[in-house]
Amino acid sequence: MNGTQDNTQHKGKDLPGQVVLVLQGGGALGSYQAGVYQALHESGIEPDWVIGTSIGAINASLIAGNEPGQRLARLREFWKRMEQNPVWNFRTAFPDFNEKLSYWSTVTNGIPGFFRPNALAHAGDSYPLGPDNAGFYSTAPLEKTLLDLVDFSLVNRCAPRLTVGAAHVRTSQMRYFDSRDGELTVKHVMASGALPPAFPAVRIDGDLYWDGGILSNTPTEAVFDDNPRKDALIFSVHLWNPVGAEPTTMAEVLNRHKDVQYSSRIASQIVRQQQAHRLRHVINQLAARLPESERNDPAVRELASYGCPTRMHVVRLLAPQLDRENHTKDIDFSPSGIMRRWDAGYAHTRSVLERKPWVGEFDPLAGVVLHEHMDVLPIAAE
């Protein structure tokens, strides 16, 4: 059968199988993911498999590329390097001024440890930059940061397993690079975060790749399609809100557009996976009811192989809206924005771990069980 049950407890915890951490792309919003990991780490839960796209791939590499005792410190160091500190602080008199100043500083100057402006990109739309440099910014600073903070020899030990998603430029196909199947380097992580037109594509084995988020920003599909499938507890960490109010201003239109674009139709994807896994469990039970003589028939064995005994619990964590956030939220690298999202990820995950929604009785035909923690209320500015 295309699946294996794993009913052992993970590191002494009451967890149903392998622990998988799935990290969505979303730029500065990714500090929420660091808070999620902090709560897991402090509870003694380390992931067996980390999957990410874009900033999710970067956070995932920081986890997979360090020993457990160093992971949280490396995440803190990375996000400290990402901070965009305003020269002045006008929060009291002009509450929106710092955010605007931080935005324009990021657009104009980049982030020292992440990206810097590519002056030649403004030489004209037809200027021959070359395929490896065609972007408004250079991500050379990110490469240095990752090499400082990630030990790729640890990544390739596959403990935890690391998977990063990238989009093949020429064919528009999603490609998941997996440490289980081959060696990963800093280029694989950078390719997963090469969001056009801001960042240039990254070449791997002769082919160019862009940010995986332009095709599938929520790479949970990699777990559902894994072979063999295993019982799993999947923490699926979302940065973009799939549900929102009707926009009434152009600013709200731009903000809602990004949420819709990058939330990746995850709700419909989960429903389809629930249906597919339910059918696999139905096949399992039907096959078990057949006489042994029938089950041993080659044709019946072939049909029964479409069944699967595994169960996957999906805990869906959603980053909250910050007070006054807008369509520039994914480049809000202000210290306060980073801190508030980190703290929210920590609080949400602690709440889920206390409730343990995966413990209990469930429909025996349910192969995918969804548990949601969604905080859609804005978090007020300090």
Protein backbone atom coordinates (compact mmCIF):
# COMPACT_ATOMS: atom_id res chain seq x y z
CA MET A 1 0.00 0.00 0.00
CA ASN A 2 1.13 3.52 -0.75
CA GLY A 3 1.53 4.55 2.87
CA THR A 4 2.89 3.43 6.21
CA GLN A 5 1.37 3.86 9.63
CA ASP A 6 3.57 5.34 12.33
CA ASN A 7 1.87 5.08 15.68
CA THR A 8 4.95 5.60 17.83
CA GLN A 9 5.08 8.66 20.04
CA HIS A 10 7.45 11.35 18.84
CA LYS A 11 10.21 11.87 21.41
CA GLY A 12 7.96 10.86 24.25
CA LYS A 13 5.24 13.32 23.23
CA ASP A 14 1.62 12.42 22.58
CA LEU A 15 1.98 13.09 18.84
CA PRO A 16 0.50 11.02 16.01
CA GLY A 17 3.52 10.20 13.85
CA GLN A 18 6.17 12.34 12.18
CA VAL A 19 6.13 16.08 12.87
CA VAL A 20 6.13 18.22 9.72
CA LEU A 21 6.54 21.99 9.68
CA VAL A 22 5.22 23.65 6.49
CA LEU A 23 6.22 27.28 6.00
CA GLN A 24 4.55 29.60 3.50
CA GLY A 25 6.28 32.46 1.67
CA GLY A 26 5.62 36.06 2.68
CA GLY A 27 8.75 38.15 3.19
CA ALA A 28 8.78 40.07 6.46
CA LEU A 29 5.64 38.21 7.58
CA GLY A 30 7.91 35.19 8.06
CA SER A 31 8.91 36.27 11.55
CA TYR A 32 5.59 34.70 12.61
CA GLN A 33 7.07 31.33 11.61
CA ALA A 34 10.04 31.88 13.88
CA GLY A 35 7.63 32.34 16.80
CA VAL A 36 5.89 29.09 15.85
CA TYR A 37 9.20 27.25 15.93
CA GLN A 38 10.13 28.81 19.28
CA ALA A 39 6.95 27.43 20.88
CA LEU A 40 7.57 23.97 19.43
CA HIS A 41 11.21 24.02 20.52
CA GLU A 42 10.39 25.07 24.08
CA SER A 43 7.85 22.24 24.26
CA GLY A 44 10.51 19.72 23.27
CA ILE A 45 9.08 19.16 19.79
CA GLU A 46 11.55 19.23 16.92
CA PRO A 47 10.31 18.67 13.36
CA ASP A 48 11.20 15.52 11.45
CA TRP A 49 10.61 17.33 8.17
CA VAL A 50 10.61 21.05 7.31
CA ILE A 51 9.14 22.28 4.01
CA GLY A 52 9.20 25.88 2.82
CA THR A 53 8.91 28.32 -0.03
CA SER A 54 10.48 31.78 -0.18
CA ILE A 55 10.95 33.16 3.35
CA GLY A 56 9.58 29.83 4.54
CA ALA A 57 12.49 28.08 2.80
CA ILE A 58 14.93 30.46 4.50
CA ASN A 59 13.45 29.83 7.95
CA ALA A 60 13.37 26.10 7.17
CA SER A 61 17.07 26.09 6.26
CA LEU A 62 17.93 27.87 9.52
CA ILE A 63 16.16 25.07 11.40
CA ALA A 64 17.52 22.16 9.36
CA GLY A 65 21.01 23.63 9.10
CA ASN A 66 21.70 23.91 12.83
CA GLU A 67 21.77 21.59 15.82
CA PRO A 68 18.59 21.79 17.95
CA GLY A 69 20.30 23.83 20.67
CA GLN A 70 21.39 26.48 18.15
CA ARG A 71 18.30 26.79 15.98
CA LEU A 72 16.44 29.43 17.93
CA ALA A 73 19.58 31.57 18.29
CA ARG A 74 20.18 31.38 14.53
CA LEU A 75 16.60 32.42 13.81
CA ARG A 76 16.97 35.37 16.17
CA GLU A 77 20.23 36.38 14.53
CA PHE A 78 18.74 36.18 11.04
CA TRP A 79 15.73 38.31 11.94
CA LYS A 80 17.94 40.78 13.79
CA ARG A 81 19.91 41.22 10.58
CA MET A 82 16.65 41.82 8.69
CA GLU A 83 15.57 44.77 10.85
CA GLN A 84 15.10 48.08 9.05
CA ASN A 85 15.59 50.73 11.72
CA PRO A 86 14.21 54.22 10.98
CA VAL A 87 16.56 57.12 11.50
CA TRP A 88 13.89 59.01 13.43
CA ASN A 89 10.99 57.86 15.57
CA PHE A 90 7.76 59.82 15.15
CA ARG A 91 5.39 57.12 16.42
CA THR A 92 3.54 59.34 18.90
CA ALA A 93 2.93 62.41 16.74
CA PHE A 94 2.69 60.68 13.36
CA PRO A 95 1.62 57.05 13.86
CA ASP A 96 2.01 56.05 10.18
CA PHE A 97 5.23 57.93 9.48
CA ASN A 98 7.64 55.26 10.74
CA GLU A 99 5.98 52.62 8.59
CA LYS A 100 6.22 54.81 5.48
CA LEU A 101 9.82 55.72 6.27
CA SER A 102 10.73 52.06 6.74
CA TYR A 103 9.02 51.14 3.47
CA TRP A 104 10.82 53.77 1.40
CA SER A 105 14.11 52.98 3.08
CA THR A 106 13.69 49.31 2.15
CA VAL A 107 12.69 50.09 -1.45
CA THR A 108 15.54 52.58 -1.91
CA ASN A 109 18.36 50.95 0.01
CA GLY A 110 17.34 47.31 0.43
CA ILE A 111 18.10 45.29 3.57
CA PRO A 112 21.85 44.98 4.36
CA GLY A 113 21.72 41.25 5.13
CA PHE A 114 19.15 40.40 2.45
CA PHE A 115 19.20 42.39 -0.78
CA ARG A 116 20.67 45.54 -2.31
CA PRO A 117 19.59 47.65 -5.30
CA ASN A 118 20.72 46.65 -8.77
CA ALA A 119 21.37 50.03 -10.41
CA LEU A 120 21.57 48.57 -13.94
CA ALA A 121 17.96 47.37 -13.66
CA HIS A 122 16.94 51.02 -14.09
CA ALA A 123 18.93 51.47 -17.28
CA GLY A 124 15.81 50.68 -19.31
CA ASP A 125 13.40 47.77 -19.77
CA SER A 126 15.43 46.41 -22.69
CA TYR A 127 18.87 46.74 -21.12
CA PRO A 128 20.64 43.32 -21.38
CA LEU A 129 21.13 42.40 -17.73
CA GLY A 130 21.53 38.70 -18.45
CA PRO A 131 19.25 35.95 -17.05
CA ASP A 132 21.17 35.60 -13.79
CA ASN A 133 21.00 39.33 -13.00
CA ALA A 134 17.56 40.32 -14.26
CA GLY A 135 16.05 41.76 -11.10
CA PHE A 136 15.68 45.13 -9.41
CA TYR A 137 17.85 43.91 -6.53
CA SER A 138 20.82 41.62 -5.96
CA THR A 139 20.46 38.87 -3.35
CA ALA A 140 24.20 38.46 -2.87
CA PRO A 141 23.84 39.72 0.76
CA LEU A 142 21.33 36.92 1.45
CA GLU A 143 23.79 34.32 0.19
CA LYS A 144 26.41 35.58 2.64
CA THR A 145 23.90 35.66 5.50
CA LEU A 146 22.78 32.09 4.85
CA LEU A 147 26.34 30.82 4.59
CA ASP A 148 27.05 32.53 7.92
CA LEU A 149 24.06 31.02 9.69
CA VAL A 150 23.30 27.69 7.98
CA ASP A 151 25.53 24.61 8.03
CA PHE A 152 24.63 22.80 4.81
CA SER A 153 26.52 19.70 5.89
CA LEU A 154 23.88 19.40 8.64
CA VAL A 155 21.09 20.05 6.13
CA ASN A 156 22.29 17.12 4.06
CA ARG A 157 22.25 14.74 7.02
CA CYS A 158 18.48 14.93 6.54
CA ALA A 159 17.70 15.21 10.25
CA PRO A 160 15.37 16.96 9.88
CA ARG A 161 14.57 16.44 6.25
CA LEU A 162 14.45 19.72 4.31
CA THR A 163 12.33 20.42 1.21
CA VAL A 164 12.23 23.77 -0.62
CA GLY A 165 9.95 24.66 -3.52
CA ALA A 166 10.97 26.63 -6.61
CA ALA A 167 9.39 27.45 -9.97
CA HIS A 168 11.21 26.33 -13.14
CA VAL A 169 11.38 29.48 -15.27
CA ARG A 170 11.21 27.90 -18.73
CA THR A 171 8.48 25.31 -18.10
CA SER A 172 6.37 26.89 -15.30
CA GLN A 173 6.67 23.62 -13.37
CA MET A 174 6.96 23.41 -9.59
CA ARG A 175 10.10 21.65 -8.39
CA TYR A 176 10.63 20.46 -4.84
CA PHE A 177 14.29 20.07 -3.92
CA ASP A 178 14.53 17.50 -1.13
CA SER A 179 17.50 16.63 1.09
CA ARG A 180 16.23 13.04 1.16
CA ASP A 181 16.80 12.75 -2.59
CA GLY A 182 19.95 14.80 -3.16
CA GLU A 183 22.38 17.38 -1.79
CA LEU A 184 21.00 20.85 -1.09
CA THR A 185 23.11 24.01 -1.22
CA VAL A 186 22.56 27.68 -0.50
CA LYS A 187 21.50 28.10 -4.14
CA HIS A 188 18.45 25.88 -3.63
CA VAL A 189 17.25 28.05 -0.74
CA MET A 190 17.91 31.24 -2.68
CA ALA A 191 16.07 29.90 -5.72
CA SER A 192 13.01 29.27 -3.56
CA GLY A 193 13.07 32.95 -2.55
CA ALA A 194 13.88 34.51 -5.93
CA LEU A 195 10.65 36.47 -6.33
CA PRO A 196 10.46 38.32 -9.66
CA PRO A 197 10.78 41.07 -10.70
CA ALA A 198 12.49 42.14 -7.47
CA PHE A 199 15.02 39.30 -7.37
CA PRO A 200 16.80 37.55 -10.24
CA ALA A 201 16.31 33.85 -10.94
CA VAL A 202 18.86 31.43 -9.50
CA ARG A 203 20.54 28.80 -11.66
CA ILE A 204 20.67 25.19 -10.45
CA ASP A 205 22.13 22.42 -12.62
CA GLY A 206 21.95 24.69 -15.65
CA ASP A 207 18.30 25.74 -15.22
CA LEU A 208 16.85 28.95 -13.83
CA TYR A 209 14.36 28.96 -10.94
CA TRP A 210 12.13 31.62 -9.41
CA ASP A 211 10.35 31.80 -6.07
CA GLY A 212 8.11 28.75 -5.61
CA GLY A 213 5.39 31.00 -4.24
CA ILE A 214 4.39 32.16 -7.72
CA LEU A 215 3.11 28.62 -8.37
CA SER A 216 2.35 27.15 -4.93
CA ASN A 217 2.95 29.36 -1.94
CA THR A 218 1.71 26.76 0.57
CA PRO A 219 3.70 23.58 -0.08
CA THR A 220 1.57 21.21 2.01
CA GLU A 221 1.04 19.25 -1.20
CA ALA A 222 4.57 17.89 -0.84
CA VAL A 223 3.49 16.03 2.31
CA PHE A 224 0.26 14.71 0.85
CA ASP A 225 2.06 13.47 -2.28
CA ASP A 226 5.05 11.95 -0.48
CA ASN A 227 5.87 8.31 -1.16
CA PRO A 228 5.51 6.45 1.06
CA ARG A 229 3.03 8.54 3.03
CA LYS A 230 3.28 8.39 6.80
CA ASP A 231 1.09 9.22 9.76
CA ALA A 232 1.88 12.85 10.48
CA LEU A 233 1.18 15.92 12.56
CA ILE A 234 1.57 18.81 10.14
CA PHE A 235 1.94 22.38 11.42
CA SER A 236 0.96 24.38 8.34
CA VAL A 237 1.96 28.01 8.94
CA HIS A 238 0.13 30.60 6.84
CA LEU A 239 1.15 34.22 6.42
CA TRP A 240 -1.56 35.47 4.05
CA ASN A 241 -5.21 35.68 5.10
CA PRO A 242 -7.50 33.65 2.82
CA VAL A 243 -10.58 35.38 4.24
CA GLY A 244 -11.06 39.15 4.33
CA ALA A 245 -13.52 42.02 4.08
CA GLU A 246 -14.59 43.60 0.79
CA PRO A 247 -12.12 46.41 -0.01
CA THR A 248 -13.46 49.96 -0.21
CA THR A 249 -10.26 51.90 -1.00
CA MET A 250 -7.41 51.33 -3.42
CA ALA A 251 -5.10 50.64 -0.47
CA GLU A 252 -7.48 47.91 0.70
CA VAL A 253 -7.70 46.52 -2.85
CA LEU A 254 -3.91 46.20 -3.05
CA ASN A 255 -3.75 44.56 0.37
CA ARG A 256 -6.58 42.11 -0.31
CA HIS A 257 -5.14 41.28 -3.73
CA LYS A 258 -1.90 40.06 -2.16
CA ASP A 259 -3.76 37.98 0.43
CA VAL A 260 -5.85 36.31 -2.29
CA GLN A 261 -2.86 35.78 -4.58
CA TYR A 262 -0.52 34.21 -2.04
CA SER A 263 -2.92 32.27 0.19
CA SER A 264 -2.78 29.68 -2.64
CA ARG A 265 -6.37 28.36 -2.49
CA ILE A 266 -5.35 26.32 0.52
CA ALA A 267 -8.94 25.76 1.70
CA SER A 268 -9.96 24.01 -1.54
CA GLN A 269 -6.68 22.07 -1.58
CA ILE A 270 -7.36 20.69 1.90
CA VAL A 271 -10.92 19.70 0.94
CA ARG A 272 -9.64 17.80 -2.11
CA GLN A 273 -7.00 16.05 -0.01
CA GLN A 274 -9.62 15.08 2.58
CA GLN A 275 -11.74 13.58 -0.18
CA ALA A 276 -8.81 11.70 -1.75
CA HIS A 277 -7.57 10.29 1.56
CA ARG A 278 -11.09 9.28 2.55
CA LEU A 279 -11.33 7.26 -0.66
CA ARG A 280 -8.00 5.60 0.17
CA HIS A 281 -9.36 4.55 3.55
CA VAL A 282 -12.56 3.29 1.87
CA ILE A 283 -10.44 1.15 -0.49
CA ASN A 284 -8.57 -0.20 2.53
CA GLN A 285 -11.75 -1.26 4.28
CA LEU A 286 -13.30 -2.75 1.14
CA ALA A 287 -10.15 -4.79 0.48
CA ALA A 288 -10.19 -6.09 4.05
CA ARG A 289 -13.72 -7.43 3.53
CA LEU A 290 -12.76 -9.56 0.54
CA PRO A 291 -12.07 -13.28 0.97
CA GLU A 292 -8.38 -14.09 1.15
CA SER A 293 -8.55 -15.91 -2.19
CA GLU A 294 -9.78 -12.69 -3.81
CA ARG A 295 -7.23 -10.48 -2.06
CA ASN A 296 -4.40 -12.59 -3.47
CA ASP A 297 -5.54 -12.12 -7.04
CA PRO A 298 -2.96 -9.89 -8.85
CA ALA A 299 -5.65 -7.62 -10.29
CA VAL A 300 -7.26 -7.15 -6.87
CA ARG A 301 -3.87 -6.47 -5.25
CA GLU A 302 -3.25 -3.80 -7.86
CA LEU A 303 -6.58 -2.12 -7.12
CA ALA A 304 -6.09 -2.44 -3.34
CA SER A 305 -2.69 -0.73 -3.63
CA TYR A 306 -4.56 2.56 -4.12
CA GLY A 307 -5.65 2.33 -0.52
CA CYS A 308 -3.69 3.92 2.31
CA PRO A 309 -3.90 3.45 6.11
CA THR A 310 -2.24 6.74 7.10
CA ARG A 311 -3.80 9.66 8.92
CA MET A 312 -2.49 13.21 8.73
CA HIS A 313 -3.50 15.85 11.26
CA VAL A 314 -3.10 19.35 9.79
CA VAL A 315 -2.82 22.17 12.33
CA ARG A 316 -3.35 25.39 10.44
CA LEU A 317 -1.78 28.47 12.04
CA LEU A 318 -2.56 31.89 10.54
CA ALA A 319 -0.55 35.05 11.11
CA PRO A 320 -2.73 37.89 12.43
CA GLN A 321 -3.28 41.26 10.86
CA LEU A 322 -1.34 44.03 12.52
CA ASP A 323 -3.02 47.35 13.17
CA ARG A 324 -2.80 49.65 10.11
CA GLU A 325 -1.02 47.04 7.98
CA ASN A 326 -1.35 47.42 4.20
CA HIS A 327 -0.08 45.90 0.96
CA THR A 328 3.52 46.71 1.93
CA LYS A 329 3.34 44.38 4.95
CA ASP A 330 5.62 41.79 3.35
CA ILE A 331 8.48 44.30 3.36
CA ASP A 332 7.70 45.64 6.84
CA PHE A 333 11.05 44.78 8.36
CA SER A 334 10.59 47.30 11.17
CA PRO A 335 11.71 45.95 14.57
CA SER A 336 8.19 46.33 15.96
CA GLY A 337 6.59 44.51 13.03
CA ILE A 338 9.06 41.63 13.29
CA MET A 339 8.62 41.38 17.06
CA ARG A 340 4.82 41.49 17.06
CA ARG A 341 4.50 38.80 14.39
CA TRP A 342 7.08 36.61 16.15
CA ASP A 343 5.19 36.97 19.43
CA ALA A 344 1.88 36.12 17.74
CA GLY A 345 3.34 32.93 16.24
CA TYR A 346 4.64 31.93 19.65
CA ALA A 347 1.32 32.61 21.40
CA HIS A 348 -0.80 30.83 18.78
CA THR A 349 1.38 27.72 18.84
CA ARG A 350 1.50 27.56 22.64
CA SER A 351 -2.30 27.69 22.64
CA VAL A 352 -2.54 24.82 20.14
CA LEU A 353 -0.01 22.70 22.03
CA GLU A 354 -1.98 23.14 25.24
CA ARG A 355 -5.22 22.02 23.54
CA LYS A 356 -3.72 19.05 21.63
CA PRO A 357 -6.61 18.89 19.14
CA TRP A 358 -5.10 15.80 17.47
CA VAL A 359 -5.83 13.71 20.58
CA GLY A 360 -9.21 12.01 20.59
CA GLU A 361 -11.56 9.85 18.53
CA PHE A 362 -11.92 10.59 14.81
CA ASP A 363 -13.89 9.22 11.90
CA PRO A 364 -12.06 6.01 10.91
CA LEU A 365 -12.42 6.98 7.24
CA ALA A 366 -10.80 10.39 7.78
CA GLY A 367 -7.28 10.37 6.34
CA VAL A 368 -6.78 14.14 6.69
CA VAL A 369 -8.07 15.91 9.82
CA LEU A 370 -7.93 19.72 9.85
CA HIS A 371 -7.47 21.72 13.07
CA GLU A 372 -7.55 25.49 12.68
CA HIS A 373 -6.18 28.30 14.83
CA MET A 374 -7.08 31.58 13.18
CA ASP A 375 -6.71 35.01 14.79
CA VAL A 376 -8.13 37.51 12.34
CA LEU A 377 -8.41 40.45 14.71
CA PRO A 378 -5.83 43.19 14.24
CA ILE A 379 -3.02 43.44 16.78
CA ALA A 380 -2.77 47.05 17.87
CA ALA A 381 0.46 48.95 17.44
CA GLU A 382 2.48 49.60 20.54
